[in-house]
Amino acid sequence: MKTLRHRGKDYKVTRSTRKNKKYKVEYKGEAIHFGAKGYRMFPNTRRGDAYCSRSLGIKGANDPTSANFWARKAWGCRGKKSSKKHEETK
C-alpha cells in the first residue's frame, strides 16, 4: 500500500513512528497513525467483510481526521463489505 485516494487526491501512506501503529498518512498537515502493528489486512475476504462491518459502527467512519476512516480505506471498505480496490470517497 503506497497511497489512498480521498476526494480526488492521493495521500501517501508511510510507516508510522508511533509505538504500536503500522501506518501513517498526512492529512491537512496532521499525521494520522492507524493500523495495529503485527496485523495484516485481508480485503475482499470474509475477514475483511467482518472488519468493515465492525468498524462501521465506530466513531469516525466518515471523518477524514480519524484513524478509523483511513483504516477503512486501506481495507477497501464500502459500507459493511470490503473490496480489493481502494475506492474513492465522495
PDB file of N, CA and C in Angstrom:
ATOM      1  N   MET A   1       0.852  -1.167   0.000  1.00  0.00           N
ATOM      2  CA  MET A   1       0.000   0.000   0.000  1.00  0.00           C
ATOM      3  C   MET A   1       0.901   1.234   0.000  1.00  0.00           C
ATOM      4  N   LYS A   2       0.683   2.105  -0.962  1.00  0.00           N
ATOM      5  CA  LYS A   2       1.508   3.293  -1.055  1.00  0.00           C
ATOM      6  C   LYS A   2       0.692   4.564  -0.972  1.00  0.00           C
ATOM      7  N   THR A   3      -0.521   4.551  -1.543  1.00  0.00           N
ATOM      8  CA  THR A   3      -1.368   5.739  -1.490  1.00  0.00           C
ATOM      9  C   THR A   3      -2.821   5.338  -1.271  1.00  0.00           C
ATOM     10  N   LEU A   4      -3.565   6.253  -0.690  1.00  0.00           N
ATOM     11  CA  LEU A   4      -5.004   6.115  -0.543  1.00  0.00           C
ATOM     12  C   LEU A   4      -5.631   7.364  -1.142  1.00  0.00           C
ATOM     13  N   ARG A   5      -6.703   7.205  -1.878  1.00  0.00           N
ATOM     14  CA  ARG A   5      -7.346   8.323  -2.561  1.00  0.00           C
ATOM     15  C   ARG A   5      -8.568   8.791  -1.782  1.00  0.00           C
ATOM     16  N   HIS A   6      -8.660  10.122  -1.626  1.00  0.00           N
ATOM     17  CA  HIS A   6      -9.820  10.735  -0.972  1.00  0.00           C
ATOM     18  C   HIS A   6     -10.146  12.030  -1.697  1.00  0.00           C
ATOM     19  N   ARG A   7     -11.370  12.117  -2.202  1.00  0.00           N
ATOM     20  CA  ARG A   7     -11.862  13.297  -2.923  1.00  0.00           C
ATOM     21  C   ARG A   7     -10.934  13.726  -4.055  1.00  0.00           C
ATOM     22  N   GLY A   8     -10.486  12.752  -4.826  1.00  0.00           N
ATOM     23  CA  GLY A   8      -9.669  13.038  -5.999  1.00  0.00           C
ATOM     24  C   GLY A   8      -8.205  13.312  -5.725  1.00  0.00           C
ATOM     25  N   LYS A   9      -7.794  13.235  -4.489  1.00  0.00           N
ATOM     26  CA  LYS A   9      -6.396  13.494  -4.146  1.00  0.00           C
ATOM     27  C   LYS A   9      -5.787  12.234  -3.531  1.00  0.00           C
ATOM     28  N   ASP A  10      -4.554  11.931  -3.923  1.00  0.00           N
ATOM     29  CA  ASP A  10      -3.848  10.781  -3.373  1.00  0.00           C
ATOM     30  C   ASP A  10      -3.066  11.196  -2.131  1.00  0.00           C
ATOM     31  N   TYR A  11      -3.154  10.362  -1.091  1.00  0.00           N
ATOM     32  CA  TYR A  11      -2.430  10.608   0.147  1.00  0.00           C
ATOM     33  C   TYR A  11      -1.419   9.486   0.337  1.00  0.00           C
ATOM     34  N   LYS A  12      -0.183   9.861   0.548  1.00  0.00           N
ATOM     35  CA  LYS A  12       0.901   8.896   0.684  1.00  0.00           C
ATOM     36  C   LYS A  12       0.850   8.242   2.063  1.00  0.00           C
ATOM     37  N   VAL A  13       0.910   6.923   2.059  1.00  0.00           N
ATOM     38  CA  VAL A  13       0.915   6.155   3.298  1.00  0.00           C
ATOM     39  C   VAL A  13       2.347   5.717   3.566  1.00  0.00           C
ATOM     40  N   THR A  14       2.830   6.032   4.764  1.00  0.00           N
ATOM     41  CA  THR A  14       4.196   5.683   5.147  1.00  0.00           C
ATOM     42  C   THR A  14       4.176   4.873   6.441  1.00  0.00           C
ATOM     43  N   ARG A  15       5.338   4.393   6.827  1.00  0.00           N
ATOM     44  CA  ARG A  15       5.460   3.648   8.075  1.00  0.00           C
ATOM     45  C   ARG A  15       5.298   4.611   9.260  1.00  0.00           C
ATOM     46  N   SER A  16       4.533   4.190  10.237  1.00  0.00           N
ATOM     47  CA  SER A  16       4.280   5.029  11.407  1.00  0.00           C
ATOM     48  C   SER A  16       5.482   5.056  12.343  1.00  0.00           C
ATOM     49  N   THR A  17       5.646   6.182  13.011  1.00  0.00           N
ATOM     50  CA  THR A  17       6.693   6.321  14.015  1.00  0.00           C
ATOM     51  C   THR A  17       6.114   6.109  15.414  1.00  0.00           C
ATOM     52  N   ARG A  18       4.800   5.976  15.513  1.00  0.00           N
ATOM     53  CA  ARG A  18       4.143   5.760  16.795  1.00  0.00           C
ATOM     54  C   ARG A  18       4.324   4.304  17.229  1.00  0.00           C
ATOM     55  N   LYS A  19       4.426   4.082  18.519  1.00  0.00           N
ATOM     56  CA  LYS A  19       4.810   2.799  19.076  1.00  0.00           C
ATOM     57  C   LYS A  19       4.039   1.581  18.533  1.00  0.00           C
ATOM     58  N   ASN A  20       2.743   1.520  18.647  1.00  0.00           N
ATOM     59  CA  ASN A  20       2.004   0.318  18.268  1.00  0.00           C
ATOM     60  C   ASN A  20       1.183   0.483  16.998  1.00  0.00           C
ATOM     61  N   LYS A  21       1.580   1.398  16.142  1.00  0.00           N
ATOM     62  CA  LYS A  21       0.861   1.623  14.893  1.00  0.00           C
ATOM     63  C   LYS A  21       1.737   1.241  13.712  1.00  0.00           C
ATOM     64  N   LYS A  22       1.085   0.875  12.608  1.00  0.00           N
ATOM     65  CA  LYS A  22       1.799   0.378  11.446  1.00  0.00           C
ATOM     66  C   LYS A  22       1.939   1.419  10.339  1.00  0.00           C
ATOM     67  N   TYR A  23       0.894   2.233  10.120  1.00  0.00           N
ATOM     68  CA  TYR A  23       0.877   3.183   9.014  1.00  0.00           C
ATOM     69  C   TYR A  23       0.627   4.605   9.499  1.00  0.00           C
ATOM     70  N   LYS A  24       0.988   5.548   8.610  1.00  0.00           N
ATOM     71  CA  LYS A  24       0.764   6.962   8.891  1.00  0.00           C
ATOM     72  C   LYS A  24       0.389   7.640   7.583  1.00  0.00           C
ATOM     73  N   VAL A  25      -0.551   8.574   7.654  1.00  0.00           N
ATOM     74  CA  VAL A  25      -0.924   9.367   6.488  1.00  0.00           C
ATOM     75  C   VAL A  25      -0.956  10.828   6.927  1.00  0.00           C
ATOM     76  N   GLU A  26      -0.520  11.713   6.060  1.00  0.00           N
ATOM     77  CA  GLU A  26      -0.555  13.148   6.341  1.00  0.00           C
ATOM     78  C   GLU A  26      -1.825  13.718   5.720  1.00  0.00           C
ATOM     79  N   TYR A  27      -2.709  14.294   6.536  1.00  0.00           N
ATOM     80  CA  TYR A  27      -3.945  14.886   6.049  1.00  0.00           C
ATOM     81  C   TYR A  27      -4.049  16.302   6.595  1.00  0.00           C
ATOM     82  N   LYS A  28      -4.033  17.277   5.701  1.00  0.00           N
ATOM     83  CA  LYS A  28      -4.097  18.704   6.065  1.00  0.00           C
ATOM     84  C   LYS A  28      -3.039  19.074   7.095  1.00  0.00           C
ATOM     85  N   GLY A  29      -1.829  18.581   6.892  1.00  0.00           N
ATOM     86  CA  GLY A  29      -0.707  18.929   7.756  1.00  0.00           C
ATOM     87  C   GLY A  29      -0.656  18.172   9.064  1.00  0.00           C
ATOM     88  N   GLU A  30      -1.569  17.246   9.276  1.00  0.00           N
ATOM     89  CA  GLU A  30      -1.604  16.499  10.519  1.00  0.00           C
ATOM     90  C   GLU A  30      -1.323  15.020  10.245  1.00  0.00           C
ATOM     91  N   ALA A  31      -0.483  14.417  11.055  1.00  0.00           N
ATOM     92  CA  ALA A  31      -0.170  12.991  10.897  1.00  0.00           C
ATOM     93  C   ALA A  31      -1.238  12.165  11.586  1.00  0.00           C
ATOM     94  N   ILE A  32      -1.807  11.210  10.854  1.00  0.00           N
ATOM     95  CA  ILE A  32      -2.808  10.313  11.417  1.00  0.00           C
ATOM     96  C   ILE A  32      -2.235   8.901  11.359  1.00  0.00           C
ATOM     97  N   HIS A  33      -2.059   8.287  12.526  1.00  0.00           N
ATOM     98  CA  HIS A  33      -1.478   6.956  12.637  1.00  0.00           C
ATOM     99  C   HIS A  33      -2.607   5.942  12.752  1.00  0.00           C
ATOM    100  N   PHE A  34      -2.495   4.822  12.022  1.00  0.00           N
ATOM    101  CA  PHE A  34      -3.532   3.806  12.078  1.00  0.00           C
ATOM    102  C   PHE A  34      -2.945   2.433  11.791  1.00  0.00           C
ATOM    103  N   GLY A  35      -3.715   1.396  12.066  1.00  0.00           N
ATOM    104  CA  GLY A  35      -3.291   0.022  11.809  1.00  0.00           C
ATOM    105  C   GLY A  35      -2.459  -0.533  12.939  1.00  0.00           C
ATOM    106  N   ALA A  36      -2.879  -1.667  13.461  1.00  0.00           N
ATOM    107  CA  ALA A  36      -2.151  -2.288  14.568  1.00  0.00           C
ATOM    108  C   ALA A  36      -0.893  -2.982  14.056  1.00  0.00           C
ATOM    109  N   LYS A  37       0.207  -2.722  14.712  1.00  0.00           N
ATOM    110  CA  LYS A  37       1.468  -3.361  14.350  1.00  0.00           C
ATOM    111  C   LYS A  37       1.335  -4.865  14.590  1.00  0.00           C
ATOM    112  N   GLY A  38       1.829  -5.643  13.643  1.00  0.00           N
ATOM    113  CA  GLY A  38       1.761  -7.087  13.782  1.00  0.00           C
ATOM    114  C   GLY A  38       0.547  -7.717  13.110  1.00  0.00           C
ATOM    115  N   TYR A  39      -0.402  -6.901  12.658  1.00  0.00           N
ATOM    116  CA  TYR A  39      -1.587  -7.421  11.987  1.00  0.00           C
ATOM    117  C   TYR A  39      -1.490  -7.155  10.495  1.00  0.00           C
ATOM    118  N   ARG A  40      -2.188  -7.973   9.696  1.00  0.00           N
ATOM    119  CA  ARG A  40      -2.231  -7.793   8.244  1.00  0.00           C
ATOM    120  C   ARG A  40      -3.652  -7.483   7.812  1.00  0.00           C
ATOM    121  N   MET A  41      -3.781  -6.915   6.632  1.00  0.00           N
ATOM    122  CA  MET A  41      -5.093  -6.611   6.074  1.00  0.00           C
ATOM    123  C   MET A  41      -5.467  -7.674   5.048  1.00  0.00           C
ATOM    124  N   PHE A  42      -6.729  -8.046   5.040  1.00  0.00           N
ATOM    125  CA  PHE A  42      -7.231  -9.060   4.122  1.00  0.00           C
ATOM    126  C   PHE A  42      -8.481  -8.554   3.408  1.00  0.00           C
ATOM    127  N   PRO A  43      -8.339  -7.572   2.513  1.00  0.00           N
ATOM    128  CA  PRO A  43      -9.522  -7.060   1.821  1.00  0.00           C
ATOM    129  C   PRO A  43     -10.121  -8.109   0.890  1.00  0.00           C
ATOM    130  N   ASN A  44     -11.414  -7.982   0.662  1.00  0.00           N
ATOM    131  CA  ASN A  44     -12.157  -8.853  -0.250  1.00  0.00           C
ATOM    132  C   ASN A  44     -12.214 -10.303   0.241  1.00  0.00           C
ATOM    133  N   THR A  45     -12.266 -10.485   1.564  1.00  0.00           N
ATOM    134  CA  THR A  45     -12.404 -11.812   2.161  1.00  0.00           C
ATOM    135  C   THR A  45     -13.472 -11.735   3.247  1.00  0.00           C
ATOM    136  N   ARG A  46     -13.824 -12.867   3.817  1.00  0.00           N
ATOM    137  CA  ARG A  46     -14.775 -12.858   4.934  1.00  0.00           C
ATOM    138  C   ARG A  46     -14.208 -12.066   6.102  1.00  0.00           C
ATOM    139  N   ARG A  47     -12.913 -12.173   6.301  1.00  0.00           N
ATOM    140  CA  ARG A  47     -12.257 -11.434   7.378  1.00  0.00           C
ATOM    141  C   ARG A  47     -12.358  -9.929   7.137  1.00  0.00           C
ATOM    142  N   GLY A  48     -12.172  -9.523   5.876  1.00  0.00           N
ATOM    143  CA  GLY A  48     -12.296  -8.115   5.514  1.00  0.00           C
ATOM    144  C   GLY A  48     -13.707  -7.602   5.693  1.00  0.00           C
ATOM    145  N   ASP A  49     -14.689  -8.412   5.293  1.00  0.00           N
ATOM    146  CA  ASP A  49     -16.090  -8.021   5.475  1.00  0.00           C
ATOM    147  C   ASP A  49     -16.429  -7.874   6.958  1.00  0.00           C
ATOM    148  N   ALA A  50     -15.897  -8.774   7.788  1.00  0.00           N
ATOM    149  CA  ALA A  50     -16.137  -8.703   9.231  1.00  0.00           C
ATOM    150  C   ALA A  50     -15.536  -7.420   9.799  1.00  0.00           C
ATOM    151  N   TYR A  51     -14.323  -7.075   9.365  1.00  0.00           N
ATOM    152  CA  TYR A  51     -13.689  -5.834   9.841  1.00  0.00           C
ATOM    153  C   TYR A  51     -14.514  -4.616   9.435  1.00  0.00           C
ATOM    154  N   CYS A  52     -14.933  -4.566   8.166  1.00  0.00           N
ATOM    155  CA  CYS A  52     -15.688  -3.421   7.666  1.00  0.00           C
ATOM    156  C   CYS A  52     -17.019  -3.273   8.393  1.00  0.00           C
ATOM    157  N   SER A  53     -17.681  -4.382   8.640  1.00  0.00           N
ATOM    158  CA  SER A  53     -18.950  -4.361   9.357  1.00  0.00           C
ATOM    159  C   SER A  53     -18.756  -3.849  10.782  1.00  0.00           C
ATOM    160  N   ARG A  54     -17.721  -4.328  11.454  1.00  0.00           N
ATOM    161  CA  ARG A  54     -17.432  -3.934  12.831  1.00  0.00           C
ATOM    162  C   ARG A  54     -17.016  -2.468  12.923  1.00  0.00           C
ATOM    163  N   SER A  55     -16.152  -2.038  12.014  1.00  0.00           N
ATOM    164  CA  SER A  55     -15.612  -0.678  12.095  1.00  0.00           C
ATOM    165  C   SER A  55     -16.604   0.391  11.643  1.00  0.00           C
ATOM    166  N   LEU A  56     -17.655  -0.013  10.945  1.00  0.00           N
ATOM    167  CA  LEU A  56     -18.668   0.952  10.506  1.00  0.00           C
ATOM    168  C   LEU A  56     -19.356   1.602  11.701  1.00  0.00           C
ATOM    169  N   GLY A  57     -19.479   0.856  12.792  1.00  0.00           N
ATOM    170  CA  GLY A  57     -20.135   1.378  13.989  1.00  0.00           C
ATOM    171  C   GLY A  57     -19.235   2.206  14.885  1.00  0.00           C
ATOM    172  N   ILE A  58     -17.955   2.262  14.582  1.00  0.00           N
ATOM    173  CA  ILE A  58     -17.010   3.031  15.398  1.00  0.00           C
ATOM    174  C   ILE A  58     -17.055   4.489  14.973  1.00  0.00           C
ATOM    175  N   LYS A  59     -16.960   5.377  15.954  1.00  0.00           N
ATOM    176  CA  LYS A  59     -16.963   6.810  15.686  1.00  0.00           C
ATOM    177  C   LYS A  59     -15.833   7.169  14.711  1.00  0.00           C
ATOM    178  N   GLY A  60     -16.146   8.007  13.736  1.00  0.00           N
ATOM    179  CA  GLY A  60     -15.127   8.483  12.809  1.00  0.00           C
ATOM    180  C   GLY A  60     -15.060   7.726  11.497  1.00  0.00           C
ATOM    181  N   ALA A  61     -16.026   6.870  11.224  1.00  0.00           N
ATOM    182  CA  ALA A  61     -16.006   6.087   9.989  1.00  0.00           C
ATOM    183  C   ALA A  61     -16.056   6.987   8.754  1.00  0.00           C
ATOM    184  N   ASN A  62     -16.628   8.175   8.887  1.00  0.00           N
ATOM    185  CA  ASN A  62     -16.739   9.105   7.760  1.00  0.00           C
ATOM    186  C   ASN A  62     -15.981  10.405   7.984  1.00  0.00           C
ATOM    187  N   ASP A  63     -15.077  10.421   8.955  1.00  0.00           N
ATOM    188  CA  ASP A  63     -14.319  11.630   9.299  1.00  0.00           C
ATOM    189  C   ASP A  63     -12.859  11.460   8.887  1.00  0.00           C
ATOM    190  N   PRO A  64     -12.404  12.200   7.853  1.00  0.00           N
ATOM    191  CA  PRO A  64     -11.035  12.016   7.377  1.00  0.00           C
ATOM    192  C   PRO A  64      -9.938  12.380   8.383  1.00  0.00           C
ATOM    193  N   THR A  65     -10.292  12.931   9.522  1.00  0.00           N
ATOM    194  CA  THR A  65      -9.275  13.225  10.528  1.00  0.00           C
ATOM    195  C   THR A  65      -9.161  12.096  11.548  1.00  0.00           C
ATOM    196  N   SER A  66      -9.885  10.988  11.337  1.00  0.00           N
ATOM    197  CA  SER A  66      -9.825   9.880  12.287  1.00  0.00           C
ATOM    198  C   SER A  66      -9.036   8.703  11.713  1.00  0.00           C
ATOM    199  N   ALA A  67      -8.440   7.939  12.591  1.00  0.00           N
ATOM    200  CA  ALA A  67      -7.680   6.758  12.185  1.00  0.00           C
ATOM    201  C   ALA A  67      -8.617   5.707  11.596  1.00  0.00           C
ATOM    202  N   ASN A  68      -9.834   5.601  12.118  1.00  0.00           N
ATOM    203  CA  ASN A  68     -10.796   4.617  11.625  1.00  0.00           C
ATOM    204  C   ASN A  68     -11.105   4.860  10.149  1.00  0.00           C
ATOM    205  N   PHE A  69     -11.222   6.094   9.744  1.00  0.00           N
ATOM    206  CA  PHE A  69     -11.507   6.439   8.347  1.00  0.00           C
ATOM    207  C   PHE A  69     -10.415   5.887   7.424  1.00  0.00           C
ATOM    208  N   TRP A  70      -9.154   6.123   7.774  1.00  0.00           N
ATOM    209  CA  TRP A  70      -8.036   5.699   6.924  1.00  0.00           C
ATOM    210  C   TRP A  70      -7.846   4.185   6.965  1.00  0.00           C
ATOM    211  N   ALA A  71      -8.091   3.560   8.101  1.00  0.00           N
ATOM    212  CA  ALA A  71      -8.006   2.105   8.175  1.00  0.00           C
ATOM    213  C   ALA A  71      -9.077   1.468   7.295  1.00  0.00           C
ATOM    214  N   ARG A  72     -10.283   2.029   7.321  1.00  0.00           N
ATOM    215  CA  ARG A  72     -11.363   1.510   6.468  1.00  0.00           C
ATOM    216  C   ARG A  72     -11.010   1.683   4.995  1.00  0.00           C
ATOM    217  N   LYS A  73     -10.360   2.779   4.643  1.00  0.00           N
ATOM    218  CA  LYS A  73      -9.918   2.985   3.262  1.00  0.00           C
ATOM    219  C   LYS A  73      -8.895   1.924   2.865  1.00  0.00           C
ATOM    220  N   ALA A  74      -7.962   1.656   3.763  1.00  0.00           N
ATOM    221  CA  ALA A  74      -6.922   0.675   3.478  1.00  0.00           C
ATOM    222  C   ALA A  74      -7.508  -0.730   3.301  1.00  0.00           C
ATOM    223  N   TRP A  75      -8.557  -1.042   4.048  1.00  0.00           N
ATOM    224  CA  TRP A  75      -9.228  -2.335   3.927  1.00  0.00           C
ATOM    225  C   TRP A  75     -10.147  -2.367   2.714  1.00  0.00           C
ATOM    226  N   GLY A  76     -10.376  -1.228   2.085  1.00  0.00           N
ATOM    227  CA  GLY A  76     -11.262  -1.174   0.914  1.00  0.00           C
ATOM    228  C   GLY A  76     -12.723  -1.252   1.292  1.00  0.00           C
ATOM    229  N   CYS A  77     -13.089  -0.724   2.442  1.00  0.00           N
ATOM    230  CA  CYS A  77     -14.471  -0.820   2.931  1.00  0.00           C
ATOM    231  C   CYS A  77     -15.417   0.078   2.152  1.00  0.00           C
ATOM    232  N   ARG A  78     -16.559  -0.483   1.807  1.00  0.00           N
ATOM    233  CA  ARG A  78     -17.701   0.249   1.250  1.00  0.00           C
ATOM    234  C   ARG A  78     -18.898  -0.240   2.020  1.00  0.00           C
ATOM    235  N   GLY A  79     -19.313   0.528   3.014  1.00  0.00           N
ATOM    236  CA  GLY A  79     -20.369   0.072   3.902  1.00  0.00           C
ATOM    237  C   GLY A  79     -19.859  -1.079   4.745  1.00  0.00           C
ATOM    238  N   LYS A  80     -20.575  -2.210   4.702  1.00  0.00           N
ATOM    239  CA  LYS A  80     -20.190  -3.368   5.509  1.00  0.00           C
ATOM    240  C   LYS A  80     -19.345  -4.376   4.735  1.00  0.00           C
ATOM    241  N   LYS A  81     -19.006  -4.092   3.495  1.00  0.00           N
ATOM    242  CA  LYS A  81     -18.244  -5.019   2.657  1.00  0.00           C
ATOM    243  C   LYS A  81     -16.870  -4.440   2.337  1.00  0.00           C
ATOM    244  N   SER A  82     -15.902  -5.320   2.084  1.00  0.00           N
ATOM    245  CA  SER A  82     -14.570  -4.872   1.679  1.00  0.00           C
ATOM    246  C   SER A  82     -14.312  -5.316   0.249  1.00  0.00           C
ATOM    247  N   SER A  83     -13.425  -4.587  -0.410  1.00  0.00           N
ATOM    248  CA  SER A  83     -13.058  -4.936  -1.780  1.00  0.00           C
ATOM    249  C   SER A  83     -11.558  -4.742  -1.939  1.00  0.00           C
ATOM    250  N   LYS A  84     -10.985  -5.328  -2.976  1.00  0.00           N
ATOM    251  CA  LYS A  84      -9.544  -5.192  -3.183  1.00  0.00           C
ATOM    252  C   LYS A  84      -9.154  -3.795  -3.583  1.00  0.00           C
ATOM    253  N   LYS A  85     -10.040  -3.114  -4.325  1.00  0.00           N
ATOM    254  CA  LYS A  85      -9.734  -1.755  -4.756  1.00  0.00           C
ATOM    255  C   LYS A  85      -9.991  -0.773  -3.623  1.00  0.00           C
ATOM    256  N   HIS A  86      -9.124   0.230  -3.529  1.00  0.00           N
ATOM    257  CA  HIS A  86      -9.327   1.311  -2.577  1.00  0.00           C
ATOM    258  C   HIS A  86     -10.243   2.319  -3.245  1.00  0.00           C
ATOM    259  N   GLU A  87     -11.504   2.300  -2.870  1.00  0.00           N
ATOM    260  CA  GLU A  87     -12.488   3.159  -3.510  1.00  0.00           C
ATOM    261  C   GLU A  87     -12.351   4.602  -3.048  1.00  0.00           C
ATOM    262  N   GLU A  88     -12.728   5.502  -3.920  1.00  0.00           N
ATOM    263  CA  GLU A  88     -12.677   6.926  -3.611  1.00  0.00           C
ATOM    264  C   GLU A  88     -13.928   7.319  -2.840  1.00  0.00           C
ATOM    265  N   THR A  89     -13.773   8.137  -1.814  1.00  0.00           N
ATOM    266  CA  THR A  89     -14.897   8.652  -1.034  1.00  0.00           C
ATOM    267  C   THR A  89     -15.308   9.992  -1.620  1.00  0.00           C
ATOM    268  N   LYS A  90     -16.593  10.186  -1.767  1.00  0.00           N
ATOM    269  CA  LYS A  90     -17.098  11.457  -2.314  1.00  0.00           C
ATOM    270  C   LYS A  90     -17.536  12.385  -1.237  1.00  0.00           C
TER     271      LYS A  90
END
